[in-house]
Amino acid sequence: MNALSHSLPPDGPTHRRLCLAADVEQYSRLDTRTQSAVQSELVRMLDEAAALSGLDRTAWTRQPQGDLEFAVLPEATPEDAVLGPFVHHLAVRLGDRNTLPAAQRIRLRLAMDTGVVADAALGHAGPAPVAVARYINTPQLRSVLATLTAADLAVIVSDRLYQDVVRSGRPDLDAGQYVRVHVRVKEFGGYGWIRVPGHAPDEVRSAVAEAPKPSVDADAPSRTTLSQRVHQGAAVGRDVVGGLTVGLPVPPPAAGPWPAG
C-alpha cells in the first residue's frame, strides 16, 4: 500500500444528486459584525424559501462556508420545485428584506447542477460539486449582478438541468427566460443558462456581454471542444482567506479556483 492510499477516503456509494451553491455578492467588503448578520439572514431566507416550496431543508447535506452555502439535496428532491418555486420564493424573500429601512442589502449568486456525488473526507466529490463551484464564479454571472444593479438574485443552471428540467414544460419554468453562456473556468468547460428574476432575457444578454473575456494561456493545451465533463471528482472546501477550493486527488494549481465573494 503506497502513501497515497492512506490519504484517500474509503470507497463509498455514489448517487445522482442535485447540488446547489448560494453566494453573497461583495461579502468581503463588509465588517465582521455585518458579515455575521448577513450569514444569519442568508440561512433564514434559504430556510423560508425551501419551506414555502415544500422542500425539507433538514434533509439537505449542507456545507456552510461564510458567505456561501453549498448543499447536496436528497435523491428524491423534485428538481422542478427547486428551479421554479424555490428560486421564486428566494427572490421574493431577498426583495422584501432589502426594502427594510437601514438593512444591509444582500445580493446572491445561485448555481445548480445535477450529477454524480459521493461523500468525501472534505465534504463531497464528483462532477456535480465541481461544476457548481465553477458555475458560481463564472464571470458572466458576476457581470450580470454588477450590471443589473436593481437585481437581488442571479441564477445559473447547468446545461443538463436546462435540457432535462427547464425545457420539459413543467409549471413555473419558462425556458425563454434563460440566456445561454459558455463557461470556461480552469479545467471546466461547458454551457450554463442564466436567469435573473424580474429582468427580461435581453437585459441579461446585455449584461453577459459586459463580462470580461477569459484570458488565453499560450502555453496551455488547446481546448477547441466543449465538454460538460470534469476530469476528476473533487471535494469542496473553504480556504483560510475566504475563497473556496476544489481539491483534486492530484496536486492543485498554485492559484485557488474560488475567488472571494
C-alpha atoms as a PDB file:
ATOM      1  CA  MET A   1       0.000   0.000   0.000  1.00  0.00           C
ATOM      2  CA  ASN A   2       1.536   3.317  -1.017  1.00  0.00           C
ATOM      3  CA  ALA A   3       1.410   6.629   0.862  1.00  0.00           C
ATOM      4  CA  LEU A   4      -1.361   7.999  -1.346  1.00  0.00           C
ATOM      5  CA  SER A   5      -3.751   5.174  -0.495  1.00  0.00           C
ATOM      6  CA  HIS A   6      -3.552   6.102   3.197  1.00  0.00           C
ATOM      7  CA  SER A   7      -4.796   9.643   2.427  1.00  0.00           C
ATOM      8  CA  LEU A   8      -7.802   8.661   0.303  1.00  0.00           C
ATOM      9  CA  PRO A   9     -11.252   8.084   1.865  1.00  0.00           C
ATOM     10  CA  PRO A  10     -12.719   4.592   1.677  1.00  0.00           C
ATOM     11  CA  ASP A  11     -14.820   3.762  -1.350  1.00  0.00           C
ATOM     12  CA  GLY A  12     -18.458   4.669  -0.849  1.00  0.00           C
ATOM     13  CA  PRO A  13     -21.653   4.700  -2.884  1.00  0.00           C
ATOM     14  CA  THR A  14     -22.169   7.395  -5.487  1.00  0.00           C
ATOM     15  CA  HIS A  15     -25.571   8.860  -6.248  1.00  0.00           C
ATOM     16  CA  ARG A  16     -27.058  11.271  -8.766  1.00  0.00           C
ATOM     17  CA  ARG A  17     -27.989  14.302  -6.691  1.00  0.00           C
ATOM     18  CA  LEU A  18     -28.916  17.947  -7.156  1.00  0.00           C
ATOM     19  CA  CYS A  19     -26.197  20.321  -5.920  1.00  0.00           C
ATOM     20  CA  LEU A  20     -26.705  23.979  -5.118  1.00  0.00           C
ATOM     21  CA  ALA A  21     -24.500  26.891  -4.059  1.00  0.00           C
ATOM     22  CA  ALA A  22     -25.683  30.316  -2.872  1.00  0.00           C
ATOM     23  CA  ASP A  23     -23.008  33.022  -2.610  1.00  0.00           C
ATOM     24  CA  VAL A  24     -23.314  36.546  -1.203  1.00  0.00           C
ATOM     25  CA  GLU A  25     -22.046  39.239  -3.560  1.00  0.00           C
ATOM     26  CA  GLN A  26     -19.259  41.517  -2.218  1.00  0.00           C
ATOM     27  CA  TYR A  27     -19.350  39.867   1.197  1.00  0.00           C
ATOM     28  CA  SER A  28     -15.658  40.513   1.860  1.00  0.00           C
ATOM     29  CA  ARG A  29     -16.269  44.276   1.870  1.00  0.00           C
ATOM     30  CA  LEU A  30     -18.459  44.024   4.977  1.00  0.00           C
ATOM     31  CA  ASP A  31     -17.204  44.432   8.534  1.00  0.00           C
ATOM     32  CA  THR A  32     -17.202  41.474  10.914  1.00  0.00           C
ATOM     33  CA  ARG A  33     -20.444  42.329  12.667  1.00  0.00           C
ATOM     34  CA  THR A  34     -22.300  42.837   9.392  1.00  0.00           C
ATOM     35  CA  GLN A  35     -20.882  39.605   7.962  1.00  0.00           C
ATOM     36  CA  SER A  36     -22.282  37.715  10.928  1.00  0.00           C
ATOM     37  CA  ALA A  37     -25.714  39.284  10.451  1.00  0.00           C
ATOM     38  CA  VAL A  38     -25.685  38.571   6.711  1.00  0.00           C
ATOM     39  CA  GLN A  39     -24.831  34.911   7.327  1.00  0.00           C
ATOM     40  CA  SER A  40     -27.822  34.581   9.650  1.00  0.00           C
ATOM     41  CA  GLU A  41     -30.091  36.285   7.143  1.00  0.00           C
ATOM     42  CA  LEU A  42     -28.885  34.045   4.316  1.00  0.00           C
ATOM     43  CA  VAL A  43     -29.703  30.902   6.280  1.00  0.00           C
ATOM     44  CA  ARG A  44     -33.102  32.293   7.269  1.00  0.00           C
ATOM     45  CA  MET A  45     -34.047  33.166   3.694  1.00  0.00           C
ATOM     46  CA  LEU A  46     -32.912  29.807   2.328  1.00  0.00           C
ATOM     47  CA  ASP A  47     -34.916  28.068   5.075  1.00  0.00           C
ATOM     48  CA  GLU A  48     -38.037  30.113   4.319  1.00  0.00           C
ATOM     49  CA  ALA A  49     -37.793  29.693   0.537  1.00  0.00           C
ATOM     50  CA  ALA A  50     -37.418  25.932   0.935  1.00  0.00           C
ATOM     51  CA  ALA A  51     -40.343  25.647   3.360  1.00  0.00           C
ATOM     52  CA  LEU A  52     -42.606  27.664   1.046  1.00  0.00           C
ATOM     53  CA  SER A  53     -41.610  25.369  -1.820  1.00  0.00           C
ATOM     54  CA  GLY A  54     -42.369  22.163   0.085  1.00  0.00           C
ATOM     55  CA  LEU A  55     -38.671  21.269   0.452  1.00  0.00           C
ATOM     56  CA  ASP A  56     -37.214  19.842   3.661  1.00  0.00           C
ATOM     57  CA  ARG A  57     -34.029  21.759   4.421  1.00  0.00           C
ATOM     58  CA  THR A  58     -33.230  19.438   7.329  1.00  0.00           C
ATOM     59  CA  ALA A  59     -32.616  16.694   4.761  1.00  0.00           C
ATOM     60  CA  TRP A  60     -30.084  18.778   2.812  1.00  0.00           C
ATOM     61  CA  THR A  61     -26.423  17.956   3.353  1.00  0.00           C
ATOM     62  CA  ARG A  62     -25.116  21.461   3.882  1.00  0.00           C
ATOM     63  CA  GLN A  63     -21.623  22.926   3.950  1.00  0.00           C
ATOM     64  CA  PRO A  64     -21.875  26.486   5.320  1.00  0.00           C
ATOM     65  CA  GLN A  65     -18.785  28.438   4.275  1.00  0.00           C
ATOM     66  CA  GLY A  66     -19.188  32.011   5.475  1.00  0.00           C
ATOM     67  CA  ASP A  67     -20.615  33.968   2.551  1.00  0.00           C
ATOM     68  CA  LEU A  68     -21.555  30.774   0.715  1.00  0.00           C
ATOM     69  CA  GLU A  69     -23.605  27.668   1.381  1.00  0.00           C
ATOM     70  CA  PHE A  70     -23.013  24.566  -0.689  1.00  0.00           C
ATOM     71  CA  ALA A  71     -25.691  21.895  -0.379  1.00  0.00           C
ATOM     72  CA  VAL A  72     -26.386  18.423  -1.735  1.00  0.00           C
ATOM     73  CA  LEU A  73     -30.110  17.710  -1.838  1.00  0.00           C
ATOM     74  CA  PRO A  74     -31.780  14.327  -1.229  1.00  0.00           C
ATOM     75  CA  GLU A  75     -32.196  11.959  -4.167  1.00  0.00           C
ATOM     76  CA  ALA A  76     -35.988  12.296  -4.128  1.00  0.00           C
ATOM     77  CA  THR A  77     -35.923  16.103  -4.430  1.00  0.00           C
ATOM     78  CA  PRO A  78     -38.154  17.313  -7.305  1.00  0.00           C
ATOM     79  CA  GLU A  79     -35.748  19.388  -9.385  1.00  0.00           C
ATOM     80  CA  ASP A  80     -38.526  21.471 -10.915  1.00  0.00           C
ATOM     81  CA  ALA A  81     -39.546  22.581  -7.404  1.00  0.00           C
ATOM     82  CA  VAL A  82     -36.031  23.908  -6.816  1.00  0.00           C
ATOM     83  CA  LEU A  83     -35.643  25.634 -10.186  1.00  0.00           C
ATOM     84  CA  GLY A  84     -39.175  27.046 -10.038  1.00  0.00           C
ATOM     85  CA  PRO A  85     -40.855  27.754  -6.663  1.00  0.00           C
ATOM     86  CA  PHE A  86     -37.650  27.757  -4.578  1.00  0.00           C
ATOM     87  CA  VAL A  87     -35.951  30.332  -6.807  1.00  0.00           C
ATOM     88  CA  HIS A  88     -39.146  32.420  -6.891  1.00  0.00           C
ATOM     89  CA  HIS A  89     -39.576  32.455  -3.114  1.00  0.00           C
ATOM     90  CA  LEU A  90     -35.882  33.178  -2.552  1.00  0.00           C
ATOM     91  CA  ALA A  91     -36.099  36.191  -4.884  1.00  0.00           C
ATOM     92  CA  VAL A  92     -39.186  37.437  -3.022  1.00  0.00           C
ATOM     93  CA  ARG A  93     -37.528  36.977   0.379  1.00  0.00           C
ATOM     94  CA  LEU A  94     -34.477  38.903  -0.820  1.00  0.00           C
ATOM     95  CA  GLY A  95     -36.592  41.711  -2.228  1.00  0.00           C
ATOM     96  CA  ASP A  96     -38.651  42.031   0.951  1.00  0.00           C
ATOM     97  CA  ARG A  97     -35.582  42.022   3.167  1.00  0.00           C
ATOM     98  CA  ASN A  98     -33.669  44.545   1.063  1.00  0.00           C
ATOM     99  CA  THR A  99     -36.505  47.082   1.280  1.00  0.00           C
ATOM    100  CA  LEU A 100     -36.306  47.224   5.080  1.00  0.00           C
ATOM    101  CA  PRO A 101     -35.026  50.551   6.431  1.00  0.00           C
ATOM    102  CA  ALA A 102     -31.275  50.572   7.136  1.00  0.00           C
ATOM    103  CA  ALA A 103     -30.913  46.913   6.079  1.00  0.00           C
ATOM    104  CA  GLN A 104     -27.612  45.856   4.599  1.00  0.00           C
ATOM    105  CA  ARG A 105     -28.512  44.836   1.075  1.00  0.00           C
ATOM    106  CA  ILE A 106     -27.924  41.154   0.279  1.00  0.00           C
ATOM    107  CA  ARG A 107     -27.432  40.106  -3.341  1.00  0.00           C
ATOM    108  CA  LEU A 108     -26.950  36.466  -4.259  1.00  0.00           C
ATOM    109  CA  ARG A 109     -25.476  34.332  -6.984  1.00  0.00           C
ATOM    110  CA  LEU A 110     -27.107  30.906  -7.151  1.00  0.00           C
ATOM    111  CA  ALA A 111     -25.696  27.939  -9.092  1.00  0.00           C
ATOM    112  CA  MET A 112     -27.149  24.461  -9.614  1.00  0.00           C
ATOM    113  CA  ASP A 113     -26.203  21.220 -11.323  1.00  0.00           C
ATOM    114  CA  THR A 114     -27.154  17.572 -11.016  1.00  0.00           C
ATOM    115  CA  GLY A 115     -24.900  14.572 -11.344  1.00  0.00           C
ATOM    116  CA  VAL A 116     -22.731  12.054  -9.566  1.00  0.00           C
ATOM    117  CA  VAL A 117     -21.936  12.894  -5.937  1.00  0.00           C
ATOM    118  CA  ALA A 118     -20.044  10.877  -3.350  1.00  0.00           C
ATOM    119  CA  ASP A 119     -19.161  11.572   0.270  1.00  0.00           C
ATOM    120  CA  ALA A 120     -15.505  12.504   0.721  1.00  0.00           C
ATOM    121  CA  ALA A 121     -13.111  13.405   3.522  1.00  0.00           C
ATOM    122  CA  LEU A 122     -13.547  17.165   2.983  1.00  0.00           C
ATOM    123  CA  GLY A 123     -17.214  17.124   2.009  1.00  0.00           C
ATOM    124  CA  HIS A 124     -18.279  15.773  -1.377  1.00  0.00           C
ATOM    125  CA  ALA A 125     -16.618  14.510  -4.530  1.00  0.00           C
ATOM    126  CA  GLY A 126     -17.847  14.127  -8.067  1.00  0.00           C
ATOM    127  CA  PRO A 127     -18.538  16.072 -11.263  1.00  0.00           C
ATOM    128  CA  ALA A 128     -21.594  17.927  -9.941  1.00  0.00           C
ATOM    129  CA  PRO A 129     -19.883  19.584  -6.934  1.00  0.00           C
ATOM    130  CA  VAL A 130     -17.008  20.652  -9.180  1.00  0.00           C
ATOM    131  CA  ALA A 131     -19.359  22.056 -11.811  1.00  0.00           C
ATOM    132  CA  VAL A 132     -21.308  24.067  -9.227  1.00  0.00           C
ATOM    133  CA  ALA A 133     -18.027  25.521  -7.943  1.00  0.00           C
ATOM    134  CA  ARG A 134     -17.205  26.652 -11.461  1.00  0.00           C
ATOM    135  CA  TYR A 135     -20.656  27.990 -12.308  1.00  0.00           C
ATOM    136  CA  ILE A 136     -20.970  30.120  -9.163  1.00  0.00           C
ATOM    137  CA  ASN A 137     -17.802  32.031 -10.075  1.00  0.00           C
ATOM    138  CA  THR A 138     -18.221  32.340 -13.816  1.00  0.00           C
ATOM    139  CA  PRO A 139     -17.502  35.918 -14.996  1.00  0.00           C
ATOM    140  CA  GLN A 140     -20.835  36.110 -16.814  1.00  0.00           C
ATOM    141  CA  LEU A 141     -22.827  35.546 -13.613  1.00  0.00           C
ATOM    142  CA  ARG A 142     -20.763  38.139 -11.749  1.00  0.00           C
ATOM    143  CA  SER A 143     -21.182  40.579 -14.622  1.00  0.00           C
ATOM    144  CA  VAL A 144     -24.959  40.182 -14.522  1.00  0.00           C
ATOM    145  CA  LEU A 145     -25.156  41.340 -10.894  1.00  0.00           C
ATOM    146  CA  ALA A 146     -22.602  44.102 -11.485  1.00  0.00           C
ATOM    147  CA  THR A 147     -24.556  45.449 -14.470  1.00  0.00           C
ATOM    148  CA  LEU A 148     -28.163  44.871 -13.366  1.00  0.00           C
ATOM    149  CA  THR A 149     -27.887  46.863 -10.160  1.00  0.00           C
ATOM    150  CA  ALA A 150     -31.589  46.513  -9.337  1.00  0.00           C
ATOM    151  CA  ALA A 151     -31.329  42.709  -9.267  1.00  0.00           C
ATOM    152  CA  ASP A 152     -31.042  40.872  -5.952  1.00  0.00           C
ATOM    153  CA  LEU A 153     -30.580  37.378  -7.397  1.00  0.00           C
ATOM    154  CA  ALA A 154     -28.846  35.888 -10.424  1.00  0.00           C
ATOM    155  CA  VAL A 155     -29.231  32.171 -11.134  1.00  0.00           C
ATOM    156  CA  ILE A 156     -27.172  29.862 -13.331  1.00  0.00           C
ATOM    157  CA  VAL A 157     -28.096  26.246 -14.037  1.00  0.00           C
ATOM    158  CA  SER A 158     -26.145  23.613 -15.909  1.00  0.00           C
ATOM    159  CA  ASP A 159     -26.994  22.724 -19.490  1.00  0.00           C
ATOM    160  CA  ARG A 160     -28.007  19.298 -18.155  1.00  0.00           C
ATOM    161  CA  LEU A 161     -30.632  20.819 -15.847  1.00  0.00           C
ATOM    162  CA  TYR A 162     -31.824  23.202 -18.532  1.00  0.00           C
ATOM    163  CA  GLN A 163     -32.312  20.461 -21.105  1.00  0.00           C
ATOM    164  CA  ASP A 164     -33.788  17.866 -18.723  1.00  0.00           C
ATOM    165  CA  VAL A 165     -35.943  20.052 -16.468  1.00  0.00           C
ATOM    166  CA  VAL A 166     -36.382  23.649 -17.683  1.00  0.00           C
ATOM    167  CA  ARG A 167     -37.329  22.641 -21.228  1.00  0.00           C
ATOM    168  CA  SER A 168     -39.741  19.963 -20.039  1.00  0.00           C
ATOM    169  CA  GLY A 169     -42.671  22.397 -19.993  1.00  0.00           C
ATOM    170  CA  ARG A 170     -43.335  21.918 -16.289  1.00  0.00           C
ATOM    171  CA  PRO A 171     -45.256  24.585 -14.347  1.00  0.00           C
ATOM    172  CA  ASP A 172     -43.297  27.588 -13.007  1.00  0.00           C
ATOM    173  CA  LEU A 173     -40.488  27.091 -15.535  1.00  0.00           C
ATOM    174  CA  ASP A 174     -40.116  29.303 -18.618  1.00  0.00           C
ATOM    175  CA  ALA A 175     -37.216  28.256 -20.833  1.00  0.00           C
ATOM    176  CA  GLY A 176     -37.377  31.606 -22.636  1.00  0.00           C
ATOM    177  CA  GLN A 177     -36.223  33.433 -19.505  1.00  0.00           C
ATOM    178  CA  TYR A 178     -32.791  31.785 -19.603  1.00  0.00           C
ATOM    179  CA  VAL A 179     -29.762  33.005 -21.528  1.00  0.00           C
ATOM    180  CA  ARG A 180     -27.079  30.539 -22.602  1.00  0.00           C
ATOM    181  CA  VAL A 181     -23.446  31.253 -21.727  1.00  0.00           C
ATOM    182  CA  HIS A 182     -20.228  29.390 -22.353  1.00  0.00           C
ATOM    183  CA  VAL A 183     -18.498  28.732 -19.045  1.00  0.00           C
ATOM    184  CA  ARG A 184     -14.752  28.219 -19.002  1.00  0.00           C
ATOM    185  CA  VAL A 185     -13.172  28.250 -15.553  1.00  0.00           C
ATOM    186  CA  LYS A 186      -9.850  26.456 -15.125  1.00  0.00           C
ATOM    187  CA  GLU A 187     -10.200  22.881 -16.420  1.00  0.00           C
ATOM    188  CA  PHE A 188     -14.007  23.098 -16.671  1.00  0.00           C
ATOM    189  CA  GLY A 189     -15.685  23.931 -19.955  1.00  0.00           C
ATOM    190  CA  GLY A 190     -19.359  23.754 -20.833  1.00  0.00           C
ATOM    191  CA  TYR A 191     -22.608  25.656 -21.182  1.00  0.00           C
ATOM    192  CA  GLY A 192     -24.763  27.186 -18.485  1.00  0.00           C
ATOM    193  CA  TRP A 193     -28.036  29.096 -18.534  1.00  0.00           C
ATOM    194  CA  ILE A 194     -28.542  32.353 -16.610  1.00  0.00           C
ATOM    195  CA  ARG A 195     -31.833  33.718 -15.381  1.00  0.00           C
ATOM    196  CA  VAL A 196     -32.428  36.904 -13.368  1.00  0.00           C
ATOM    197  CA  PRO A 197     -35.883  37.013 -11.730  1.00  0.00           C
ATOM    198  CA  GLY A 198     -37.634  40.264 -12.598  1.00  0.00           C
ATOM    199  CA  HIS A 199     -35.414  41.030 -15.600  1.00  0.00           C
ATOM    200  CA  ALA A 200     -36.020  40.280 -19.271  1.00  0.00           C
ATOM    201  CA  PRO A 201     -33.675  37.980 -21.201  1.00  0.00           C
ATOM    202  CA  ASP A 202     -32.498  40.878 -23.383  1.00  0.00           C
ATOM    203  CA  GLU A 203     -31.300  42.694 -20.262  1.00  0.00           C
ATOM    204  CA  VAL A 204     -29.442  39.585 -19.169  1.00  0.00           C
ATOM    205  CA  ARG A 205     -27.814  39.204 -22.599  1.00  0.00           C
ATOM    206  CA  SER A 206     -26.601  42.794 -22.492  1.00  0.00           C
ATOM    207  CA  ALA A 207     -25.175  42.238 -19.009  1.00  0.00           C
ATOM    208  CA  VAL A 208     -23.491  38.999 -20.089  1.00  0.00           C
ATOM    209  CA  ALA A 209     -21.845  40.875 -22.965  1.00  0.00           C
ATOM    210  CA  GLU A 210     -20.113  43.086 -20.399  1.00  0.00           C
ATOM    211  CA  ALA A 211     -18.313  40.128 -18.816  1.00  0.00           C
ATOM    212  CA  PRO A 212     -14.526  40.047 -19.268  1.00  0.00           C
ATOM    213  CA  LYS A 213     -13.342  37.518 -21.804  1.00  0.00           C
ATOM    214  CA  PRO A 214     -11.269  34.637 -20.386  1.00  0.00           C
ATOM    215  CA  SER A 215      -7.547  35.040 -20.846  1.00  0.00           C
ATOM    216  CA  VAL A 216      -5.804  32.582 -23.130  1.00  0.00           C
ATOM    217  CA  ASP A 217      -2.617  30.912 -21.945  1.00  0.00           C
ATOM    218  CA  ALA A 218      -0.383  30.431 -24.977  1.00  0.00           C
ATOM    219  CA  ASP A 219       1.403  27.569 -23.254  1.00  0.00           C
ATOM    220  CA  ALA A 220      -1.813  25.746 -22.308  1.00  0.00           C
ATOM    221  CA  PRO A 221      -3.079  22.837 -24.418  1.00  0.00           C
ATOM    222  CA  SER A 222      -5.713  23.713 -26.995  1.00  0.00           C
ATOM    223  CA  ARG A 223      -9.354  23.328 -25.901  1.00  0.00           C
ATOM    224  CA  THR A 224     -11.399  23.500 -29.064  1.00  0.00           C
ATOM    225  CA  THR A 225     -14.247  21.242 -27.951  1.00  0.00           C
ATOM    226  CA  LEU A 226     -16.808  21.987 -25.272  1.00  0.00           C
ATOM    227  CA  SER A 227     -17.445  19.476 -22.541  1.00  0.00           C
ATOM    228  CA  GLN A 228     -19.765  19.253 -19.575  1.00  0.00           C
ATOM    229  CA  ARG A 229     -17.468  16.655 -18.009  1.00  0.00           C
ATOM    230  CA  VAL A 230     -14.974  17.268 -15.220  1.00  0.00           C
ATOM    231  CA  HIS A 231     -11.678  15.408 -15.462  1.00  0.00           C
ATOM    232  CA  GLN A 232     -11.587  14.403 -11.793  1.00  0.00           C
ATOM    233  CA  GLY A 233     -14.072  14.385  -8.917  1.00  0.00           C
ATOM    234  CA  ALA A 234     -13.222  16.739  -6.075  1.00  0.00           C
ATOM    235  CA  ALA A 235     -14.199  17.712  -2.560  1.00  0.00           C
ATOM    236  CA  VAL A 236     -15.358  21.279  -1.948  1.00  0.00           C
ATOM    237  CA  GLY A 237     -13.935  23.273   0.952  1.00  0.00           C
ATOM    238  CA  ARG A 238     -13.248  26.819   2.131  1.00  0.00           C
ATOM    239  CA  ASP A 239      -9.729  28.137   2.388  1.00  0.00           C
ATOM    240  CA  VAL A 240      -8.429  30.445   5.129  1.00  0.00           C
ATOM    241  CA  VAL A 241      -8.718  33.630   3.077  1.00  0.00           C
ATOM    242  CA  GLY A 242     -12.382  33.218   2.238  1.00  0.00           C
ATOM    243  CA  GLY A 243     -12.140  31.538  -1.161  1.00  0.00           C
ATOM    244  CA  LEU A 244     -13.382  28.075  -1.974  1.00  0.00           C
ATOM    245  CA  THR A 245     -11.027  25.459  -3.283  1.00  0.00           C
ATOM    246  CA  VAL A 246     -11.881  22.289  -5.125  1.00  0.00           C
ATOM    247  CA  GLY A 247      -9.368  19.681  -4.015  1.00  0.00           C
ATOM    248  CA  LEU A 248      -8.338  17.198  -6.691  1.00  0.00           C
ATOM    249  CA  PRO A 249      -6.555  13.906  -5.998  1.00  0.00           C
ATOM    250  CA  VAL A 250      -3.561  15.441  -7.766  1.00  0.00           C
ATOM    251  CA  PRO A 251      -1.502  18.477  -6.652  1.00  0.00           C
ATOM    252  CA  PRO A 252      -3.741  21.571  -7.023  1.00  0.00           C
ATOM    253  CA  PRO A 253      -2.711  24.589  -9.104  1.00  0.00           C
ATOM    254  CA  ALA A 254      -0.981  27.443  -7.327  1.00  0.00           C
ATOM    255  CA  ALA A 255      -3.959  29.782  -7.633  1.00  0.00           C
ATOM    256  CA  GLY A 256      -7.199  28.834  -5.873  1.00  0.00           C
ATOM    257  CA  PRO A 257     -10.237  28.386  -8.137  1.00  0.00           C
ATOM    258  CA  TRP A 258     -12.762  30.190  -5.929  1.00  0.00           C
ATOM    259  CA  PRO A 259     -12.199  33.954  -5.550  1.00  0.00           C
ATOM    260  CA  ALA A 260     -13.841  35.574  -2.535  1.00  0.00           C
ATOM    261  CA  GLY A 261     -17.421  36.820  -2.914  1.00  0.00           C
END
